[in-house]
Amino acid sequence: MGYPCSREKTKKFMDKINLIAIQPKSFKPRTTDSRNRLGYNDNLLVGGAKVTACNQVWVGDITYIGLEKRFAYMSVLMDLYSRKIIGWTIELDMSESLVIETLTKAISARQPGPHLIHHSDRGGQYASTKYRSILTRAKIRQSMSRAGDCYDNAFMESCFGTIKTELEMTSYGTIEDARRELEEYINYYNAIRRHSSIDYQSPTSFELALKN
């Protein structure tokens, strides 16, 4: 009727007449299908693997990005030691090409030596034959989270949480808009943003200091 009323006051009125609001749950697309028949790898990080240098452990995951009428999906690979995002891709579907592009970008940029551990969840994209063949050729060891244990890939969950919180992410008009803003943010995340886990340095500064 045009009268201003705060949420708290509205709640008090509703309580008095025993009204309960129905809050619909927001739809969140699944980014992991661990029920595939492609098999899985053991978790090589169980017990807290000691990481002492860059390119010893890469962690990866997929998250959804809201668009006006649908969802896009972003895959990311991060160096666990420096917390630097070393490869990322955003596309309109979650096919294996999404993670393959991210992986090839990371390998090209980092040129890792043998025995690097690549850790992810049990999603079918990471278990695909083509993805595993790329890891094998690069002599990268594959590690996967235990079934139903989100804490096994907590580093990536935290990374995605930071990105979405700091961007105040809701939805983008187009995938091009999303790609443009995410690229700008990831450049900031790597080169400027300070991380408590690496003595409040940016990942790029941290890695440069290691070379000196």
N, C-alpha and C. Protein backbone atom coordinates (compact mmCIF):
# COMPACT_ATOMS: atom_id res chain seq x y z
N MET A 1 0.82 -1.21 0.00
CA MET A 1 0.00 0.00 0.00
C MET A 1 0.85 1.26 0.00
N GLY A 2 2.15 1.10 -0.19
CA GLY A 2 3.02 2.26 -0.30
C GLY A 2 3.67 2.71 0.98
N TYR A 3 3.44 1.99 2.12
CA TYR A 3 4.07 2.37 3.38
C TYR A 3 5.44 1.68 3.50
N PRO A 4 6.49 2.41 3.83
CA PRO A 4 7.81 1.79 4.02
C PRO A 4 7.80 0.90 5.26
N CYS A 5 8.44 -0.27 5.15
CA CYS A 5 8.47 -1.20 6.28
C CYS A 5 9.72 -2.06 6.15
N SER A 6 10.54 -2.09 7.20
CA SER A 6 11.78 -2.86 7.16
C SER A 6 11.48 -4.36 7.22
N ARG A 7 12.46 -5.15 6.86
CA ARG A 7 12.30 -6.61 6.92
C ARG A 7 12.02 -7.07 8.36
N GLU A 8 12.75 -6.46 9.31
CA GLU A 8 12.60 -6.87 10.71
C GLU A 8 11.19 -6.57 11.22
N LYS A 9 10.64 -5.42 10.84
CA LYS A 9 9.30 -5.06 11.28
C LYS A 9 8.26 -5.97 10.62
N THR A 10 8.49 -6.26 9.33
CA THR A 10 7.60 -7.18 8.62
C THR A 10 7.58 -8.54 9.30
N LYS A 11 8.77 -9.01 9.70
CA LYS A 11 8.87 -10.31 10.37
C LYS A 11 8.08 -10.32 11.67
N LYS A 12 8.16 -9.22 12.42
CA LYS A 12 7.42 -9.15 13.69
C LYS A 12 5.92 -9.23 13.45
N PHE A 13 5.42 -8.50 12.43
CA PHE A 13 3.99 -8.55 12.10
C PHE A 13 3.58 -9.97 11.70
N MET A 14 4.42 -10.61 10.91
CA MET A 14 4.11 -11.97 10.44
C MET A 14 4.10 -12.96 11.61
N ASP A 15 5.04 -12.79 12.55
CA ASP A 15 5.08 -13.66 13.72
C ASP A 15 3.81 -13.56 14.55
N LYS A 16 3.29 -12.33 14.64
CA LYS A 16 2.10 -12.11 15.46
C LYS A 16 0.88 -12.86 14.92
N ILE A 17 0.82 -13.00 13.59
CA ILE A 17 -0.35 -13.68 13.00
C ILE A 17 0.02 -15.05 12.42
N ASN A 18 1.19 -15.57 12.92
CA ASN A 18 1.62 -16.93 12.58
C ASN A 18 1.77 -17.18 11.07
N LEU A 19 2.34 -16.21 10.39
CA LEU A 19 2.66 -16.38 8.97
C LEU A 19 4.13 -16.74 8.82
N ILE A 20 4.43 -17.70 7.97
CA ILE A 20 5.81 -18.12 7.70
C ILE A 20 6.10 -17.92 6.21
N ALA A 21 7.19 -17.22 5.91
CA ALA A 21 7.55 -16.99 4.51
C ALA A 21 8.13 -18.26 3.90
N ILE A 22 7.76 -18.53 2.66
CA ILE A 22 8.34 -19.64 1.92
C ILE A 22 9.49 -19.09 1.10
N GLN A 23 10.69 -19.54 1.43
CA GLN A 23 11.88 -19.05 0.73
C GLN A 23 12.33 -20.09 -0.29
N PRO A 24 12.10 -19.85 -1.57
CA PRO A 24 12.53 -20.84 -2.56
C PRO A 24 14.05 -20.94 -2.60
N LYS A 25 14.54 -22.17 -2.76
CA LYS A 25 15.98 -22.37 -2.87
C LYS A 25 16.46 -21.96 -4.26
N SER A 26 17.59 -21.28 -4.29
CA SER A 26 18.17 -20.89 -5.57
C SER A 26 18.70 -22.14 -6.26
N PHE A 27 18.47 -22.22 -7.55
CA PHE A 27 18.97 -23.36 -8.31
C PHE A 27 20.46 -23.22 -8.53
N LYS A 28 21.21 -24.26 -8.20
CA LYS A 28 22.64 -24.28 -8.44
C LYS A 28 22.97 -25.52 -9.27
N PRO A 29 23.53 -25.31 -10.45
CA PRO A 29 23.83 -26.46 -11.30
C PRO A 29 24.93 -27.32 -10.72
N ARG A 30 24.85 -28.62 -10.97
CA ARG A 30 25.89 -29.53 -10.54
C ARG A 30 27.10 -29.40 -11.46
N THR A 31 28.28 -29.27 -10.86
CA THR A 31 29.49 -29.18 -11.67
C THR A 31 30.34 -30.44 -11.55
N THR A 32 29.89 -31.39 -10.72
CA THR A 32 30.63 -32.64 -10.56
C THR A 32 29.68 -33.82 -10.71
N ASP A 33 30.03 -34.73 -11.59
CA ASP A 33 29.30 -35.98 -11.71
C ASP A 33 30.29 -37.11 -11.44
N SER A 34 30.34 -37.54 -10.18
CA SER A 34 31.29 -38.58 -9.79
C SER A 34 30.75 -39.98 -10.02
N ARG A 35 29.53 -40.05 -10.62
CA ARG A 35 28.94 -41.37 -10.86
C ARG A 35 29.29 -41.92 -12.24
N ASN A 36 30.29 -41.33 -12.87
CA ASN A 36 30.70 -41.81 -14.18
C ASN A 36 31.38 -43.17 -14.06
N ARG A 37 31.54 -43.83 -15.19
CA ARG A 37 32.16 -45.16 -15.22
C ARG A 37 33.59 -45.12 -15.72
N LEU A 38 34.20 -43.95 -15.61
CA LEU A 38 35.55 -43.78 -16.13
C LEU A 38 36.63 -44.11 -15.10
N GLY A 39 36.20 -44.43 -13.89
CA GLY A 39 37.17 -44.75 -12.85
C GLY A 39 37.70 -43.50 -12.16
N TYR A 40 38.50 -43.70 -11.15
CA TYR A 40 39.04 -42.57 -10.41
C TYR A 40 40.44 -42.92 -9.89
N ASN A 41 41.15 -41.90 -9.44
CA ASN A 41 42.49 -42.07 -8.89
C ASN A 41 42.47 -41.87 -7.38
N ASP A 42 43.45 -42.43 -6.71
CA ASP A 42 43.56 -42.25 -5.26
C ASP A 42 43.89 -40.79 -4.94
N ASN A 43 43.54 -40.38 -3.73
CA ASN A 43 43.86 -39.04 -3.26
C ASN A 43 45.31 -39.04 -2.76
N LEU A 44 46.19 -38.42 -3.51
CA LEU A 44 47.61 -38.39 -3.15
C LEU A 44 47.94 -37.32 -2.12
N LEU A 45 46.93 -36.53 -1.74
CA LEU A 45 47.15 -35.46 -0.77
C LEU A 45 46.63 -35.81 0.61
N VAL A 46 46.10 -37.02 0.77
CA VAL A 46 45.58 -37.43 2.07
C VAL A 46 46.72 -37.41 3.09
N GLY A 47 46.42 -36.86 4.27
CA GLY A 47 47.45 -36.78 5.31
C GLY A 47 48.27 -35.51 5.24
N GLY A 48 47.94 -34.65 4.26
CA GLY A 48 48.63 -33.37 4.17
C GLY A 48 49.98 -33.47 3.49
N ALA A 49 49.96 -33.60 2.17
CA ALA A 49 51.20 -33.69 1.41
C ALA A 49 52.01 -32.40 1.61
N LYS A 50 53.30 -32.57 1.83
CA LYS A 50 54.17 -31.42 2.07
C LYS A 50 54.54 -30.78 0.73
N VAL A 51 54.13 -29.54 0.56
CA VAL A 51 54.40 -28.81 -0.68
C VAL A 51 55.45 -27.76 -0.37
N THR A 52 56.60 -27.84 -1.02
CA THR A 52 57.73 -26.96 -0.71
C THR A 52 58.18 -26.10 -1.87
N ALA A 53 57.52 -26.23 -3.02
CA ALA A 53 57.94 -25.45 -4.19
C ALA A 53 56.79 -25.36 -5.18
N CYS A 54 56.92 -24.45 -6.14
CA CYS A 54 55.93 -24.33 -7.20
C CYS A 54 55.99 -25.56 -8.10
N ASN A 55 54.89 -25.82 -8.77
CA ASN A 55 54.79 -26.94 -9.72
C ASN A 55 55.03 -28.30 -9.09
N GLN A 56 54.69 -28.41 -7.79
CA GLN A 56 54.65 -29.72 -7.13
C GLN A 56 53.22 -30.24 -7.10
N VAL A 57 52.27 -29.34 -6.83
CA VAL A 57 50.85 -29.70 -6.79
C VAL A 57 50.03 -28.63 -7.47
N TRP A 58 49.23 -29.04 -8.44
CA TRP A 58 48.21 -28.17 -9.02
C TRP A 58 46.85 -28.68 -8.58
N VAL A 59 45.95 -27.76 -8.23
CA VAL A 59 44.59 -28.15 -7.86
C VAL A 59 43.61 -27.52 -8.85
N GLY A 60 42.58 -28.27 -9.22
CA GLY A 60 41.63 -27.78 -10.22
C GLY A 60 40.20 -28.08 -9.86
N ASP A 61 39.30 -27.29 -10.42
CA ASP A 61 37.87 -27.50 -10.18
C ASP A 61 37.08 -26.70 -11.21
N ILE A 62 35.76 -26.91 -11.19
CA ILE A 62 34.82 -26.21 -12.07
C ILE A 62 33.78 -25.53 -11.22
N THR A 63 33.39 -24.32 -11.59
CA THR A 63 32.29 -23.63 -10.92
C THR A 63 31.36 -23.04 -11.97
N TYR A 64 30.17 -22.68 -11.55
CA TYR A 64 29.21 -22.09 -12.48
C TYR A 64 29.26 -20.56 -12.38
N ILE A 65 28.95 -19.91 -13.48
CA ILE A 65 28.90 -18.45 -13.55
C ILE A 65 27.52 -18.08 -14.10
N GLY A 66 26.79 -17.26 -13.37
CA GLY A 66 25.44 -16.90 -13.78
C GLY A 66 25.41 -15.92 -14.94
N LEU A 67 24.62 -16.25 -15.96
CA LEU A 67 24.30 -15.32 -17.03
C LEU A 67 22.83 -14.96 -16.91
N GLU A 68 22.34 -14.04 -17.73
CA GLU A 68 20.95 -13.58 -17.58
C GLU A 68 19.95 -14.70 -17.82
N LYS A 69 20.20 -15.59 -18.78
CA LYS A 69 19.20 -16.60 -19.13
C LYS A 69 19.71 -18.03 -18.99
N ARG A 70 20.96 -18.19 -18.57
CA ARG A 70 21.51 -19.53 -18.44
C ARG A 70 22.77 -19.47 -17.59
N PHE A 71 23.51 -20.57 -17.52
CA PHE A 71 24.76 -20.60 -16.78
C PHE A 71 25.93 -20.83 -17.73
N ALA A 72 27.06 -20.27 -17.37
CA ALA A 72 28.33 -20.62 -18.00
C ALA A 72 29.15 -21.36 -16.95
N TYR A 73 30.26 -21.94 -17.36
CA TYR A 73 31.07 -22.74 -16.44
C TYR A 73 32.53 -22.36 -16.60
N MET A 74 33.21 -22.24 -15.46
CA MET A 74 34.62 -21.85 -15.46
C MET A 74 35.45 -22.95 -14.81
N SER A 75 36.50 -23.37 -15.49
CA SER A 75 37.46 -24.30 -14.89
C SER A 75 38.73 -23.52 -14.58
N VAL A 76 39.37 -23.91 -13.48
CA VAL A 76 40.56 -23.20 -13.00
C VAL A 76 41.59 -24.22 -12.53
N LEU A 77 42.85 -23.95 -12.79
CA LEU A 77 43.97 -24.67 -12.18
C LEU A 77 44.80 -23.68 -11.39
N MET A 78 45.15 -24.05 -10.16
CA MET A 78 45.92 -23.17 -9.28
C MET A 78 47.14 -23.91 -8.75
N ASP A 79 48.28 -23.23 -8.70
CA ASP A 79 49.46 -23.80 -8.07
C ASP A 79 49.28 -23.72 -6.56
N LEU A 80 49.32 -24.87 -5.91
CA LEU A 80 49.00 -24.91 -4.49
C LEU A 80 50.03 -24.18 -3.64
N TYR A 81 51.27 -24.16 -4.06
CA TYR A 81 52.32 -23.53 -3.24
C TYR A 81 52.22 -22.02 -3.29
N SER A 82 52.07 -21.45 -4.48
CA SER A 82 52.05 -19.99 -4.61
C SER A 82 50.66 -19.39 -4.65
N ARG A 83 49.64 -20.26 -4.78
CA ARG A 83 48.24 -19.83 -4.90
C ARG A 83 47.97 -19.07 -6.20
N LYS A 84 48.84 -19.20 -7.18
CA LYS A 84 48.66 -18.50 -8.43
C LYS A 84 47.73 -19.28 -9.35
N ILE A 85 46.78 -18.58 -9.96
CA ILE A 85 45.91 -19.20 -10.97
C ILE A 85 46.74 -19.31 -12.25
N ILE A 86 46.99 -20.55 -12.69
CA ILE A 86 47.91 -20.77 -13.80
C ILE A 86 47.20 -21.14 -15.09
N GLY A 87 45.90 -21.32 -15.02
CA GLY A 87 45.11 -21.59 -16.21
C GLY A 87 43.62 -21.50 -15.88
N TRP A 88 42.85 -20.94 -16.79
CA TRP A 88 41.41 -20.88 -16.57
C TRP A 88 40.71 -20.75 -17.92
N THR A 89 39.46 -21.22 -17.94
CA THR A 89 38.65 -21.18 -19.16
C THR A 89 37.19 -21.02 -18.75
N ILE A 90 36.43 -20.26 -19.52
CA ILE A 90 34.99 -20.15 -19.29
C ILE A 90 34.26 -20.45 -20.58
N GLU A 91 33.29 -21.36 -20.51
CA GLU A 91 32.52 -21.77 -21.68
C GLU A 91 31.06 -21.97 -21.27
N LEU A 92 30.21 -22.26 -22.27
CA LEU A 92 28.78 -22.43 -22.00
C LEU A 92 28.40 -23.86 -21.64
N ASP A 93 29.34 -24.78 -21.69
CA ASP A 93 29.03 -26.16 -21.30
C ASP A 93 30.19 -26.72 -20.49
N MET A 94 29.96 -27.92 -19.93
CA MET A 94 30.96 -28.55 -19.07
C MET A 94 31.59 -29.77 -19.73
N SER A 95 31.73 -29.75 -21.04
CA SER A 95 32.35 -30.88 -21.73
C SER A 95 33.83 -30.94 -21.37
N GLU A 96 34.48 -32.04 -21.74
CA GLU A 96 35.89 -32.22 -21.39
C GLU A 96 36.77 -31.14 -22.00
N SER A 97 36.33 -30.50 -23.09
CA SER A 97 37.14 -29.45 -23.71
C SER A 97 37.35 -28.27 -22.77
N LEU A 98 36.42 -28.06 -21.84
CA LEU A 98 36.54 -26.97 -20.87
C LEU A 98 37.79 -27.14 -20.02
N VAL A 99 37.98 -28.34 -19.46
CA VAL A 99 39.13 -28.57 -18.60
C VAL A 99 40.40 -28.83 -19.40
N ILE A 100 40.26 -29.39 -20.59
CA ILE A 100 41.43 -29.65 -21.43
C ILE A 100 42.10 -28.34 -21.84
N GLU A 101 41.31 -27.34 -22.20
CA GLU A 101 41.88 -26.05 -22.56
C GLU A 101 42.62 -25.43 -21.39
N THR A 102 42.04 -25.53 -20.20
CA THR A 102 42.69 -24.99 -19.00
C THR A 102 44.01 -25.71 -18.73
N LEU A 103 44.00 -27.03 -18.85
CA LEU A 103 45.21 -27.81 -18.61
C LEU A 103 46.31 -27.48 -19.61
N THR A 104 45.97 -27.40 -20.89
CA THR A 104 46.99 -27.12 -21.89
C THR A 104 47.57 -25.71 -21.73
N LYS A 105 46.73 -24.76 -21.31
CA LYS A 105 47.24 -23.42 -21.02
C LYS A 105 48.25 -23.46 -19.88
N ALA A 106 47.92 -24.21 -18.82
CA ALA A 106 48.80 -24.28 -17.65
C ALA A 106 50.12 -24.96 -17.99
N ILE A 107 50.06 -26.06 -18.74
CA ILE A 107 51.29 -26.76 -19.11
C ILE A 107 52.16 -25.87 -19.99
N SER A 108 51.55 -25.18 -20.93
CA SER A 108 52.30 -24.29 -21.82
C SER A 108 52.96 -23.16 -21.05
N ALA A 109 52.24 -22.60 -20.07
CA ALA A 109 52.76 -21.46 -19.32
C ALA A 109 53.83 -21.87 -18.31
N ARG A 110 53.67 -23.05 -17.70
CA ARG A 110 54.54 -23.44 -16.59
C ARG A 110 55.65 -24.42 -16.96
N GLN A 111 55.43 -25.22 -18.01
CA GLN A 111 56.43 -26.22 -18.41
C GLN A 111 56.92 -27.03 -17.20
N PRO A 112 56.00 -27.72 -16.51
CA PRO A 112 56.39 -28.43 -15.28
C PRO A 112 57.26 -29.65 -15.56
N GLY A 113 58.07 -29.99 -14.56
CA GLY A 113 58.87 -31.20 -14.65
C GLY A 113 58.03 -32.41 -14.31
N PRO A 114 58.62 -33.61 -14.35
CA PRO A 114 57.87 -34.83 -14.04
C PRO A 114 57.49 -34.91 -12.56
N HIS A 115 56.49 -35.73 -12.28
CA HIS A 115 56.04 -36.05 -10.91
C HIS A 115 55.16 -34.98 -10.27
N LEU A 116 54.82 -33.93 -11.01
CA LEU A 116 53.82 -32.98 -10.53
C LEU A 116 52.51 -33.71 -10.23
N ILE A 117 51.84 -33.34 -9.14
CA ILE A 117 50.54 -33.92 -8.79
C ILE A 117 49.44 -32.98 -9.25
N HIS A 118 48.49 -33.51 -9.99
CA HIS A 118 47.30 -32.77 -10.42
C HIS A 118 46.12 -33.30 -9.61
N HIS A 119 45.53 -32.43 -8.78
CA HIS A 119 44.44 -32.87 -7.89
C HIS A 119 43.13 -32.20 -8.27
N SER A 120 42.06 -32.98 -8.31
CA SER A 120 40.72 -32.47 -8.63
C SER A 120 39.69 -33.35 -7.95
N ASP A 121 38.41 -33.06 -8.21
CA ASP A 121 37.37 -33.97 -7.75
C ASP A 121 37.25 -35.13 -8.73
N ARG A 122 36.20 -35.94 -8.58
CA ARG A 122 36.04 -37.13 -9.41
C ARG A 122 35.18 -36.89 -10.65
N GLY A 123 35.03 -35.64 -11.03
CA GLY A 123 34.19 -35.31 -12.18
C GLY A 123 34.62 -36.02 -13.45
N GLY A 124 33.64 -36.36 -14.28
CA GLY A 124 33.91 -37.10 -15.50
C GLY A 124 34.84 -36.37 -16.45
N GLN A 125 34.84 -35.03 -16.40
CA GLN A 125 35.73 -34.28 -17.29
C GLN A 125 37.19 -34.60 -16.98
N TYR A 126 37.51 -34.70 -15.68
CA TYR A 126 38.89 -34.97 -15.28
C TYR A 126 39.26 -36.45 -15.46
N ALA A 127 38.23 -37.30 -15.53
CA ALA A 127 38.48 -38.74 -15.68
C ALA A 127 38.46 -39.20 -17.13
N SER A 128 38.21 -38.26 -18.05
CA SER A 128 38.09 -38.66 -19.46
C SER A 128 39.42 -39.19 -20.00
N THR A 129 39.31 -40.04 -21.00
CA THR A 129 40.49 -40.66 -21.60
C THR A 129 41.44 -39.61 -22.16
N LYS A 130 40.89 -38.61 -22.85
CA LYS A 130 41.74 -37.59 -23.47
C LYS A 130 42.46 -36.75 -22.42
N TYR A 131 41.76 -36.41 -21.34
CA TYR A 131 42.39 -35.61 -20.29
C TYR A 131 43.52 -36.38 -19.64
N ARG A 132 43.24 -37.65 -19.35
CA ARG A 132 44.27 -38.48 -18.71
C ARG A 132 45.47 -38.71 -19.62
N SER A 133 45.23 -38.78 -20.91
CA SER A 133 46.35 -39.00 -21.83
C SER A 133 47.27 -37.79 -21.86
N ILE A 134 46.70 -36.59 -21.73
CA ILE A 134 47.52 -35.38 -21.67
C ILE A 134 48.38 -35.39 -20.41
N LEU A 135 47.78 -35.76 -19.29
CA LEU A 135 48.54 -35.85 -18.04
C LEU A 135 49.67 -36.87 -18.16
N THR A 136 49.36 -37.99 -18.76
CA THR A 136 50.37 -39.05 -18.91
C THR A 136 51.54 -38.58 -19.76
N ARG A 137 51.24 -37.92 -20.88
CA ARG A 137 52.31 -37.43 -21.76
C ARG A 137 53.19 -36.42 -21.06
N ALA A 138 52.59 -35.61 -20.18
CA ALA A 138 53.34 -34.59 -19.45
C ALA A 138 53.97 -35.15 -18.18
N LYS A 139 53.79 -36.45 -17.92
CA LYS A 139 54.34 -37.12 -16.73
C LYS A 139 53.81 -36.49 -15.45
N ILE A 140 52.52 -36.15 -15.48
CA ILE A 140 51.83 -35.58 -14.33
C ILE A 140 51.03 -36.68 -13.64
N ARG A 141 51.15 -36.77 -12.33
CA ARG A 141 50.43 -37.78 -11.55
C ARG A 141 49.04 -37.24 -11.19
N GLN A 142 48.02 -38.05 -11.41
CA GLN A 142 46.65 -37.59 -11.14
C GLN A 142 46.18 -38.04 -9.77
N SER A 143 45.55 -37.11 -9.07
CA SER A 143 45.00 -37.35 -7.74
C SER A 143 43.56 -36.86 -7.73
N MET A 144 42.69 -37.59 -7.03
CA MET A 144 41.28 -37.19 -6.96
C MET A 144 40.77 -37.23 -5.53
N SER A 145 39.81 -36.36 -5.25
CA SER A 145 39.19 -36.33 -3.93
C SER A 145 38.47 -37.63 -3.63
N ARG A 146 38.31 -37.93 -2.35
CA ARG A 146 37.52 -39.08 -1.96
C ARG A 146 36.05 -38.80 -2.24
N ALA A 147 35.29 -39.84 -2.43
CA ALA A 147 33.87 -39.70 -2.78
C ALA A 147 33.12 -38.94 -1.71
N GLY A 148 32.40 -37.90 -2.12
CA GLY A 148 31.53 -37.16 -1.22
C GLY A 148 32.24 -36.31 -0.19
N ASP A 149 33.53 -36.05 -0.36
CA ASP A 149 34.28 -35.27 0.63
C ASP A 149 34.73 -33.95 0.00
N CYS A 150 33.94 -32.89 0.23
CA CYS A 150 34.24 -31.59 -0.39
C CYS A 150 35.51 -30.98 0.20
N TYR A 151 35.89 -31.40 1.41
CA TYR A 151 37.07 -30.82 2.05
C TYR A 151 38.36 -31.26 1.37
N ASP A 152 38.30 -32.33 0.58
CA ASP A 152 39.50 -32.80 -0.10
C ASP A 152 39.97 -31.83 -1.18
N ASN A 153 39.10 -30.93 -1.60
CA ASN A 153 39.51 -29.91 -2.58
C ASN A 153 39.16 -28.52 -2.05
N ALA A 154 39.40 -28.34 -0.75
CA ALA A 154 38.99 -27.10 -0.09
C ALA A 154 39.73 -25.88 -0.61
N PHE A 155 40.95 -26.07 -1.12
CA PHE A 155 41.70 -24.92 -1.63
C PHE A 155 40.99 -24.26 -2.79
N MET A 156 40.44 -25.09 -3.70
CA MET A 156 39.73 -24.53 -4.84
C MET A 156 38.37 -23.96 -4.43
N GLU A 157 37.70 -24.62 -3.49
CA GLU A 157 36.43 -24.08 -3.00
C GLU A 157 36.66 -22.69 -2.40
N SER A 158 37.76 -22.52 -1.68
CA SER A 158 38.08 -21.24 -1.08
C SER A 158 38.39 -20.20 -2.16
N CYS A 159 39.12 -20.63 -3.19
CA CYS A 159 39.45 -19.72 -4.29
C CYS A 159 38.19 -19.22 -4.99
N PHE A 160 37.28 -20.13 -5.30
CA PHE A 160 36.04 -19.73 -5.96
C PHE A 160 35.21 -18.82 -5.05
N GLY A 161 35.19 -19.12 -3.76
CA GLY A 161 34.46 -18.28 -2.82
C GLY A 161 35.00 -16.86 -2.80
N THR A 162 36.32 -16.74 -2.84
CA THR A 162 36.96 -15.41 -2.85
C THR A 162 36.60 -14.65 -4.12
N ILE A 163 36.70 -15.32 -5.26
CA ILE A 163 36.39 -14.67 -6.53
C ILE A 163 34.96 -14.15 -6.55
N LYS A 164 34.02 -15.01 -6.17
CA LYS A 164 32.60 -14.63 -6.26
C LYS A 164 32.23 -13.56 -5.23
N THR A 165 32.86 -13.61 -4.06
CA THR A 165 32.57 -12.62 -3.03
C THR A 165 33.13 -11.26 -3.41
N GLU A 166 34.38 -11.23 -3.83
CA GLU A 166 35.02 -9.95 -4.12
C GLU A 166 34.47 -9.29 -5.38
N LEU A 167 33.97 -10.10 -6.31
CA LEU A 167 33.34 -9.53 -7.51
C LEU A 167 31.86 -9.21 -7.26
N GLU A 168 31.36 -9.58 -6.06
CA GLU A 168 29.92 -9.43 -5.76
C GLU A 168 29.12 -10.01 -6.92
N MET A 169 29.49 -11.22 -7.31
CA MET A 169 28.98 -11.82 -8.53
C MET A 169 27.51 -12.20 -8.42
N THR A 170 26.72 -11.74 -9.37
CA THR A 170 25.32 -12.14 -9.48
C THR A 170 25.13 -12.82 -10.83
N SER A 171 24.95 -12.04 -11.88
CA SER A 171 24.87 -12.62 -13.22
C SER A 171 25.36 -11.59 -14.23
N TYR A 172 25.82 -12.10 -15.37
CA TYR A 172 26.34 -11.25 -16.43
C TYR A 172 25.38 -11.27 -17.62
N GLY A 173 25.42 -10.22 -18.42
CA GLY A 173 24.56 -10.16 -19.58
C GLY A 173 24.93 -11.21 -20.62
N THR A 174 26.22 -11.35 -20.88
CA THR A 174 26.70 -12.30 -21.88
C THR A 174 27.95 -13.00 -21.35
N ILE A 175 28.32 -14.08 -22.00
CA ILE A 175 29.55 -14.78 -21.60
C ILE A 175 30.77 -13.91 -21.88
N GLU A 176 30.69 -13.06 -22.89
CA GLU A 176 31.80 -12.15 -23.19
C GLU A 176 32.00 -11.16 -22.03
N ASP A 177 30.89 -10.67 -21.46
CA ASP A 177 30.98 -9.77 -20.30
C ASP A 177 31.65 -10.49 -19.13
N ALA A 178 31.24 -11.74 -18.89
CA ALA A 178 31.80 -12.53 -17.80
C ALA A 178 33.29 -12.77 -18.02
N ARG A 179 33.64 -13.16 -19.24
CA ARG A 179 35.05 -13.46 -19.55
C ARG A 179 35.92 -12.22 -19.36
N ARG A 180 35.41 -11.07 -19.77
CA ARG A 180 36.17 -9.83 -19.67
C ARG A 180 36.43 -9.46 -18.20
N GLU A 181 35.38 -9.53 -17.37
CA GLU A 181 35.56 -9.15 -15.97
C GLU A 181 36.40 -10.16 -15.20
N LEU A 182 36.21 -11.46 -15.51
CA LEU A 182 37.00 -12.48 -14.82
C LEU A 182 38.47 -12.38 -15.19
N GLU A 183 38.76 -12.08 -16.45
CA GLU A 183 40.16 -11.92 -16.84
C GLU A 183 40.81 -10.77 -16.08
N GLU A 184 40.08 -9.67 -15.97
CA GLU A 184 40.60 -8.52 -15.24
C GLU A 184 40.83 -8.88 -13.77
N TYR A 185 39.86 -9.60 -13.18
CA TYR A 185 39.99 -9.94 -11.77
C TYR A 185 41.14 -10.92 -11.54
N ILE A 186 41.28 -11.93 -12.40
CA ILE A 186 42.34 -12.93 -12.20
C ILE A 186 43.71 -12.29 -12.35
N ASN A 187 43.85 -11.33 -13.24
CA ASN A 187 45.11 -10.59 -13.33
C ASN A 187 45.40 -9.87 -12.01
N TYR A 188 44.37 -9.27 -11.44
CA TYR A 188 44.50 -8.63 -10.13
C TYR A 188 44.81 -9.66 -9.04
N TYR A 189 44.11 -10.78 -9.06
CA TYR A 189 44.27 -11.84 -8.06
C TYR A 189 45.71 -12.34 -8.05
N ASN A 190 46.29 -12.50 -9.22
CA ASN A 190 47.66 -13.02 -9.31
C ASN A 190 48.73 -11.97 -9.01
N ALA A 191 48.53 -10.76 -9.53
CA ALA A 191 49.61 -9.77 -9.49
C ALA A 191 49.54 -8.79 -8.33
N ILE A 192 48.35 -8.55 -7.79
CA ILE A 192 48.20 -7.49 -6.79
C ILE A 192 47.63 -7.99 -5.46
N ARG A 193 46.61 -8.82 -5.52
CA ARG A 193 45.91 -9.23 -4.29
C ARG A 193 46.85 -9.98 -3.34
N ARG A 194 46.88 -9.58 -2.09
CA ARG A 194 47.75 -10.22 -1.11
C ARG A 194 47.03 -11.40 -0.46
N HIS A 195 47.77 -12.48 -0.24
CA HIS A 195 47.20 -13.72 0.31
C HIS A 195 47.87 -14.03 1.65
N SER A 196 47.06 -14.26 2.66
CA SER A 196 47.60 -14.52 3.99
C SER A 196 48.45 -15.79 4.02
N SER A 197 48.11 -16.77 3.16
CA SER A 197 48.83 -18.05 3.18
C SER A 197 50.25 -17.94 2.65
N ILE A 198 50.58 -16.85 1.97
CA ILE A 198 51.94 -16.66 1.44
C ILE A 198 52.51 -15.34 1.98
N ASP A 199 52.32 -15.16 3.28
CA ASP A 199 52.89 -14.00 3.99
C ASP A 199 52.43 -12.67 3.41
N TYR A 200 51.18 -12.59 3.04
CA TYR A 200 50.56 -11.37 2.55
C TYR A 200 51.30 -10.77 1.35
N GLN A 201 51.71 -11.65 0.46
CA GLN A 201 52.26 -11.24 -0.83
C GLN A 201 51.28 -11.65 -1.91
N SER A 202 51.41 -11.07 -3.08
CA SER A 202 50.64 -11.55 -4.23
C SER A 202 51.33 -12.81 -4.76
N PRO A 203 50.59 -13.70 -5.42
CA PRO A 203 51.23 -14.89 -5.99
C PRO A 203 52.40 -14.58 -6.92
N THR A 204 52.24 -13.56 -7.76
CA THR A 204 53.32 -13.22 -8.67
C THR A 204 54.56 -12.73 -7.91
N SER A 205 54.38 -11.87 -6.92
CA SER A 205 55.50 -11.39 -6.12
C SER A 205 56.15 -12.53 -5.35
N PHE A 206 55.33 -13.43 -4.83
CA PHE A 206 55.84 -14.57 -4.08
C PHE A 206 56.74 -15.44 -4.96
N GLU A 207 56.27 -15.72 -6.18
CA GLU A 207 57.06 -16.55 -7.08
C GLU A 207 58.34 -15.85 -7.54
N LEU A 208 58.28 -14.55 -7.78
CA LEU A 208 59.48 -13.81 -8.15
C LEU A 208 60.52 -13.83 -7.05
N ALA A 209 60.06 -13.72 -5.79
CA ALA A 209 60.98 -13.75 -4.66
C ALA A 209 61.67 -15.11 -4.54
N LEU A 210 60.99 -16.17 -4.94
CA LEU A 210 61.58 -17.50 -4.87
C LEU A 210 62.73 -17.66 -5.85
N LYS A 211 62.69 -16.91 -6.95
CA LYS A 211 63.73 -17.03 -7.97
C LYS A 211 64.98 -16.22 -7.62
N ASN A 212 64.82 -15.27 -6.68
CA ASN A 212 65.96 -14.40 -6.32
C ASN A 212 66.80 -15.01 -5.18
